[in-house]
Amino acid sequence: MELVQSYLLDCPWCGAQTEVTADFSAGNQTFVQDCVVCCSPILVRATCSPLSGEMTELVAVREND
């Protein structure tokens, strides 16, 4: 399994699909990425399995929520 993976998420602001890249070598992470369409900040929470390192949950919410 590759530790750096790309995923498509729906922007919580405008609904457009936005590609995010998560690096699971550091385990769970939270980061902000701007939507490529509306430029609004998206807060991304990525959770991975501690045993396999595979992504178990990927959540995108408005940064200010």
PDB file of N, CA and C in Angstrom:
ATOM      1  N   MET A   1       0.827  -1.183   0.000  1.00  0.00           N
ATOM      2  CA  MET A   1       0.000   0.000   0.000  1.00  0.00           C
ATOM      3  C   MET A   1       0.871   1.246   0.000  1.00  0.00           C
ATOM      4  N   GLU A   2       0.500   2.206  -0.820  1.00  0.00           N
ATOM      5  CA  GLU A   2       1.219   3.468  -0.850  1.00  0.00           C
ATOM      6  C   GLU A   2       0.758   4.339   0.311  1.00  0.00           C
ATOM      7  N   LEU A   3       1.694   5.039   0.928  1.00  0.00           N
ATOM      8  CA  LEU A   3       1.347   5.881   2.066  1.00  0.00           C
ATOM      9  C   LEU A   3       0.773   7.231   1.631  1.00  0.00           C
ATOM     10  N   VAL A   4       1.081   7.675   0.422  1.00  0.00           N
ATOM     11  CA  VAL A   4       0.524   8.909  -0.104  1.00  0.00           C
ATOM     12  C   VAL A   4      -0.537   8.539  -1.132  1.00  0.00           C
ATOM     13  N   GLN A   5      -1.774   8.959  -0.868  1.00  0.00           N
ATOM     14  CA  GLN A   5      -2.883   8.597  -1.746  1.00  0.00           C
ATOM     15  C   GLN A   5      -3.740   9.823  -2.045  1.00  0.00           C
ATOM     16  N   SER A   6      -4.359   9.835  -3.220  1.00  0.00           N
ATOM     17  CA  SER A   6      -5.257  10.916  -3.619  1.00  0.00           C
ATOM     18  C   SER A   6      -6.697  10.425  -3.573  1.00  0.00           C
ATOM     19  N   TYR A   7      -7.590  11.325  -3.174  1.00  0.00           N
ATOM     20  CA  TYR A   7      -9.010  11.011  -3.057  1.00  0.00           C
ATOM     21  C   TYR A   7      -9.823  12.178  -3.610  1.00  0.00           C
ATOM     22  N   LEU A   8     -11.014  11.887  -4.084  1.00  0.00           N
ATOM     23  CA  LEU A   8     -11.941  12.927  -4.524  1.00  0.00           C
ATOM     24  C   LEU A   8     -12.976  13.151  -3.429  1.00  0.00           C
ATOM     25  N   LEU A   9     -13.150  14.420  -3.067  1.00  0.00           N
ATOM     26  CA  LEU A   9     -14.137  14.800  -2.070  1.00  0.00           C
ATOM     27  C   LEU A   9     -15.041  15.871  -2.659  1.00  0.00           C
ATOM     28  N   ASP A  10     -16.273  15.939  -2.163  1.00  0.00           N
ATOM     29  CA  ASP A  10     -17.170  17.013  -2.558  1.00  0.00           C
ATOM     30  C   ASP A  10     -16.917  18.210  -1.644  1.00  0.00           C
ATOM     31  N   CYS A  11     -16.720  19.365  -2.245  1.00  0.00           N
ATOM     32  CA  CYS A  11     -16.509  20.594  -1.479  1.00  0.00           C
ATOM     33  C   CYS A  11     -17.762  20.883  -0.656  1.00  0.00           C
ATOM     34  N   PRO A  12     -17.628  21.112   0.658  1.00  0.00           N
ATOM     35  CA  PRO A  12     -18.798  21.416   1.484  1.00  0.00           C
ATOM     36  C   PRO A  12     -19.362  22.814   1.231  1.00  0.00           C
ATOM     37  N   TRP A  13     -18.665  23.630   0.467  1.00  0.00           N
ATOM     38  CA  TRP A  13     -19.126  24.984   0.151  1.00  0.00           C
ATOM     39  C   TRP A  13     -19.924  25.000  -1.156  1.00  0.00           C
ATOM     40  N   CYS A  14     -19.336  24.468  -2.240  1.00  0.00           N
ATOM     41  CA  CYS A  14     -19.976  24.594  -3.555  1.00  0.00           C
ATOM     42  C   CYS A  14     -20.389  23.253  -4.169  1.00  0.00           C
ATOM     43  N   GLY A  15     -19.956  22.136  -3.578  1.00  0.00           N
ATOM     44  CA  GLY A  15     -20.344  20.815  -4.064  1.00  0.00           C
ATOM     45  C   GLY A  15     -19.461  20.252  -5.167  1.00  0.00           C
ATOM     46  N   ALA A  16     -18.502  21.024  -5.656  1.00  0.00           N
ATOM     47  CA  ALA A  16     -17.614  20.540  -6.717  1.00  0.00           C
ATOM     48  C   ALA A  16     -16.658  19.479  -6.169  1.00  0.00           C
ATOM     49  N   GLN A  17     -16.302  18.532  -7.027  1.00  0.00           N
ATOM     50  CA  GLN A  17     -15.328  17.522  -6.609  1.00  0.00           C
ATOM     51  C   GLN A  17     -13.938  18.136  -6.572  1.00  0.00           C
ATOM     52  N   THR A  18     -13.249  17.890  -5.475  1.00  0.00           N
ATOM     53  CA  THR A  18     -11.907  18.407  -5.264  1.00  0.00           C
ATOM     54  C   THR A  18     -11.006  17.247  -4.890  1.00  0.00           C
ATOM     55  N   GLU A  19      -9.826  17.206  -5.474  1.00  0.00           N
ATOM     56  CA  GLU A  19      -8.871  16.144  -5.169  1.00  0.00           C
ATOM     57  C   GLU A  19      -8.000  16.559  -3.989  1.00  0.00           C
ATOM     58  N   VAL A  20      -7.895  15.668  -3.006  1.00  0.00           N
ATOM     59  CA  VAL A  20      -7.009  15.891  -1.872  1.00  0.00           C
ATOM     60  C   VAL A  20      -6.004  14.756  -1.823  1.00  0.00           C
ATOM     61  N   THR A  21      -4.835  15.057  -1.313  1.00  0.00           N
ATOM     62  CA  THR A  21      -3.784  14.054  -1.170  1.00  0.00           C
ATOM     63  C   THR A  21      -3.459  13.924   0.310  1.00  0.00           C
ATOM     64  N   ALA A  22      -3.491  12.702   0.803  1.00  0.00           N
ATOM     65  CA  ALA A  22      -3.208  12.440   2.211  1.00  0.00           C
ATOM     66  C   ALA A  22      -1.980  11.550   2.326  1.00  0.00           C
ATOM     67  N   ASP A  23      -1.106  11.886   3.268  1.00  0.00           N
ATOM     68  CA  ASP A  23       0.110  11.120   3.527  1.00  0.00           C
ATOM     69  C   ASP A  23      -0.070  10.390   4.852  1.00  0.00           C
ATOM     70  N   PHE A  24      -0.294   9.079   4.786  1.00  0.00           N
ATOM     71  CA  PHE A  24      -0.581   8.304   5.988  1.00  0.00           C
ATOM     72  C   PHE A  24       0.665   7.782   6.694  1.00  0.00           C
ATOM     73  N   SER A  25       1.846   8.219   6.267  1.00  0.00           N
ATOM     74  CA  SER A  25       3.061   7.789   6.964  1.00  0.00           C
ATOM     75  C   SER A  25       3.105   8.377   8.371  1.00  0.00           C
ATOM     76  N   ALA A  26       2.386   9.468   8.598  1.00  0.00           N
ATOM     77  CA  ALA A  26       2.344  10.109   9.912  1.00  0.00           C
ATOM     78  C   ALA A  26       1.091   9.731  10.694  1.00  0.00           C
ATOM     79  N   GLY A  27       0.289   8.818  10.182  1.00  0.00           N
ATOM     80  CA  GLY A  27      -0.939   8.407  10.857  1.00  0.00           C
ATOM     81  C   GLY A  27      -2.086   9.346  10.561  1.00  0.00           C
ATOM     82  N   ASN A  28      -3.009   9.483  11.508  1.00  0.00           N
ATOM     83  CA  ASN A  28      -4.182  10.339  11.330  1.00  0.00           C
ATOM     84  C   ASN A  28      -3.740  11.787  11.148  1.00  0.00           C
ATOM     85  N   GLN A  29      -4.537  12.539  10.402  1.00  0.00           N
ATOM     86  CA  GLN A  29      -4.165  13.927  10.175  1.00  0.00           C
ATOM     87  C   GLN A  29      -5.378  14.787   9.906  1.00  0.00           C
ATOM     88  N   THR A  30      -5.203  16.071  10.146  1.00  0.00           N
ATOM     89  CA  THR A  30      -6.190  17.085   9.834  1.00  0.00           C
ATOM     90  C   THR A  30      -5.455  18.202   9.113  1.00  0.00           C
ATOM     91  N   PHE A  31      -6.007  18.639   7.985  1.00  0.00           N
ATOM     92  CA  PHE A  31      -5.357  19.699   7.226  1.00  0.00           C
ATOM     93  C   PHE A  31      -6.398  20.508   6.478  1.00  0.00           C
ATOM     94  N   VAL A  32      -6.005  21.688   6.026  1.00  0.00           N
ATOM     95  CA  VAL A  32      -6.887  22.575   5.278  1.00  0.00           C
ATOM     96  C   VAL A  32      -6.402  22.640   3.839  1.00  0.00           C
ATOM     97  N   GLN A  33      -7.358  22.512   2.928  1.00  0.00           N
ATOM     98  CA  GLN A  33      -7.051  22.623   1.503  1.00  0.00           C
ATOM     99  C   GLN A  33      -8.138  23.470   0.854  1.00  0.00           C
ATOM    100  N   ASP A  34      -7.740  24.387  -0.011  1.00  0.00           N
ATOM    101  CA  ASP A  34      -8.714  25.233  -0.700  1.00  0.00           C
ATOM    102  C   ASP A  34      -9.363  24.469  -1.850  1.00  0.00           C
ATOM    103  N   CYS A  35     -10.652  24.718  -2.054  1.00  0.00           N
ATOM    104  CA  CYS A  35     -11.384  24.146  -3.184  1.00  0.00           C
ATOM    105  C   CYS A  35     -10.834  24.741  -4.473  1.00  0.00           C
ATOM    106  N   VAL A  36     -10.650  23.917  -5.491  1.00  0.00           N
ATOM    107  CA  VAL A  36     -10.105  24.399  -6.760  1.00  0.00           C
ATOM    108  C   VAL A  36     -11.135  25.211  -7.550  1.00  0.00           C
ATOM    109  N   VAL A  37     -12.415  25.107  -7.203  1.00  0.00           N
ATOM    110  CA  VAL A  37     -13.454  25.830  -7.928  1.00  0.00           C
ATOM    111  C   VAL A  37     -13.807  27.145  -7.234  1.00  0.00           C
ATOM    112  N   CYS A  38     -14.185  27.087  -5.945  1.00  0.00           N
ATOM    113  CA  CYS A  38     -14.643  28.286  -5.249  1.00  0.00           C
ATOM    114  C   CYS A  38     -13.597  28.914  -4.330  1.00  0.00           C
ATOM    115  N   CYS A  39     -12.456  28.258  -4.182  1.00  0.00           N
ATOM    116  CA  CYS A  39     -11.321  28.741  -3.368  1.00  0.00           C
ATOM    117  C   CYS A  39     -11.622  28.836  -1.877  1.00  0.00           C
ATOM    118  N   SER A  40     -12.708  28.243  -1.420  1.00  0.00           N
ATOM    119  CA  SER A  40     -13.034  28.260   0.009  1.00  0.00           C
ATOM    120  C   SER A  40     -12.207  27.207   0.737  1.00  0.00           C
ATOM    121  N   PRO A  41     -11.871  27.461   2.014  1.00  0.00           N
ATOM    122  CA  PRO A  41     -11.062  26.504   2.777  1.00  0.00           C
ATOM    123  C   PRO A  41     -11.881  25.292   3.218  1.00  0.00           C
ATOM    124  N   ILE A  42     -11.332  24.112   2.957  1.00  0.00           N
ATOM    125  CA  ILE A  42     -11.965  22.850   3.343  1.00  0.00           C
ATOM    126  C   ILE A  42     -11.108  22.210   4.428  1.00  0.00           C
ATOM    127  N   LEU A  43     -11.715  21.890   5.554  1.00  0.00           N
ATOM    128  CA  LEU A  43     -11.025  21.179   6.620  1.00  0.00           C
ATOM    129  C   LEU A  43     -11.182  19.684   6.356  1.00  0.00           C
ATOM    130  N   VAL A  44     -10.075  18.990   6.165  1.00  0.00           N
ATOM    131  CA  VAL A  44     -10.090  17.557   5.850  1.00  0.00           C
ATOM    132  C   VAL A  44      -9.555  16.794   7.048  1.00  0.00           C
ATOM    133  N   ARG A  45     -10.318  15.801   7.491  1.00  0.00           N
ATOM    134  CA  ARG A  45      -9.888  14.904   8.572  1.00  0.00           C
ATOM    135  C   ARG A  45      -9.716  13.511   7.973  1.00  0.00           C
ATOM    136  N   ALA A  46      -8.487  13.019   8.025  1.00  0.00           N
ATOM    137  CA  ALA A  46      -8.173  11.708   7.468  1.00  0.00           C
ATOM    138  C   ALA A  46      -7.775  10.773   8.604  1.00  0.00           C
ATOM    139  N   THR A  47      -8.449   9.636   8.679  1.00  0.00           N
ATOM    140  CA  THR A  47      -8.183   8.642   9.716  1.00  0.00           C
ATOM    141  C   THR A  47      -7.710   7.364   9.043  1.00  0.00           C
ATOM    142  N   CYS A  48      -6.674   6.749   9.600  1.00  0.00           N
ATOM    143  CA  CYS A  48      -6.190   5.494   9.026  1.00  0.00           C
ATOM    144  C   CYS A  48      -6.115   4.415  10.098  1.00  0.00           C
ATOM    145  N   SER A  49      -6.119   3.179   9.647  1.00  0.00           N
ATOM    146  CA  SER A  49      -6.002   2.035  10.536  1.00  0.00           C
ATOM    147  C   SER A  49      -4.575   1.960  11.055  1.00  0.00           C
ATOM    148  N   PRO A  50      -4.381   1.848  12.365  1.00  0.00           N
ATOM    149  CA  PRO A  50      -3.019   1.791  12.894  1.00  0.00           C
ATOM    150  C   PRO A  50      -2.260   0.529  12.477  1.00  0.00           C
ATOM    151  N   LEU A  51      -2.975  -0.526  12.166  1.00  0.00           N
ATOM    152  CA  LEU A  51      -2.309  -1.775  11.799  1.00  0.00           C
ATOM    153  C   LEU A  51      -1.924  -1.820  10.326  1.00  0.00           C
ATOM    154  N   SER A  52      -2.855  -1.460   9.450  1.00  0.00           N
ATOM    155  CA  SER A  52      -2.592  -1.584   8.017  1.00  0.00           C
ATOM    156  C   SER A  52      -2.141  -0.278   7.378  1.00  0.00           C
ATOM    157  N   GLY A  53      -2.429   0.853   8.013  1.00  0.00           N
ATOM    158  CA  GLY A  53      -2.117   2.145   7.422  1.00  0.00           C
ATOM    159  C   GLY A  53      -3.097   2.558   6.340  1.00  0.00           C
ATOM    160  N   GLU A  54      -4.165   1.770   6.143  1.00  0.00           N
ATOM    161  CA  GLU A  54      -5.162   2.103   5.129  1.00  0.00           C
ATOM    162  C   GLU A  54      -6.136   3.139   5.666  1.00  0.00           C
ATOM    163  N   MET A  55      -6.610   4.014   4.767  1.00  0.00           N
ATOM    164  CA  MET A  55      -7.556   5.041   5.134  1.00  0.00           C
ATOM    165  C   MET A  55      -8.875   4.400   5.539  1.00  0.00           C
ATOM    166  N   THR A  56      -9.401   4.809   6.697  1.00  0.00           N
ATOM    167  CA  THR A  56     -10.673   4.268   7.167  1.00  0.00           C
ATOM    168  C   THR A  56     -11.784   5.317   7.131  1.00  0.00           C
ATOM    169  N   GLU A  57     -11.403   6.599   7.162  1.00  0.00           N
ATOM    170  CA  GLU A  57     -12.413   7.653   7.115  1.00  0.00           C
ATOM    171  C   GLU A  57     -11.780   8.918   6.563  1.00  0.00           C
ATOM    172  N   LEU A  58     -12.525   9.593   5.699  1.00  0.00           N
ATOM    173  CA  LEU A  58     -12.076  10.861   5.126  1.00  0.00           C
ATOM    174  C   LEU A  58     -13.283  11.805   5.151  1.00  0.00           C
ATOM    175  N   VAL A  59     -13.177  12.889   5.909  1.00  0.00           N
ATOM    176  CA  VAL A  59     -14.285  13.807   6.116  1.00  0.00           C
ATOM    177  C   VAL A  59     -13.871  15.200   5.672  1.00  0.00           C
ATOM    178  N   ALA A  60     -14.737  15.865   4.922  1.00  0.00           N
ATOM    179  CA  ALA A  60     -14.501  17.243   4.490  1.00  0.00           C
ATOM    180  C   ALA A  60     -15.615  18.121   5.033  1.00  0.00           C
ATOM    181  N   VAL A  61     -15.240  19.165   5.783  1.00  0.00           N
ATOM    182  CA  VAL A  61     -16.209  20.098   6.345  1.00  0.00           C
ATOM    183  C   VAL A  61     -15.740  21.521   6.098  1.00  0.00           C
ATOM    184  N   ARG A  62     -16.645  22.465   6.265  1.00  0.00           N
ATOM    185  CA  ARG A  62     -16.271  23.868   6.162  1.00  0.00           C
ATOM    186  C   ARG A  62     -15.293  24.193   7.282  1.00  0.00           C
ATOM    187  N   GLU A  63     -14.260  24.943   6.968  1.00  0.00           N
ATOM    188  CA  GLU A  63     -13.229  25.223   7.964  1.00  0.00           C
ATOM    189  C   GLU A  63     -13.781  25.902   9.201  1.00  0.00           C
ATOM    190  N   ASN A  64     -14.771  26.758   9.067  1.00  0.00           N
ATOM    191  CA  ASN A  64     -15.276  27.528  10.191  1.00  0.00           C
ATOM    192  C   ASN A  64     -16.403  26.842  10.953  1.00  0.00           C
ATOM    193  N   ASP A  65     -16.788  25.624  10.553  1.00  0.00           N
ATOM    194  CA  ASP A  65     -17.877  24.907  11.241  1.00  0.00           C
ATOM    195  C   ASP A  65     -17.361  24.170  12.456  1.00  0.00           C
TER     196      ASP A  65
END
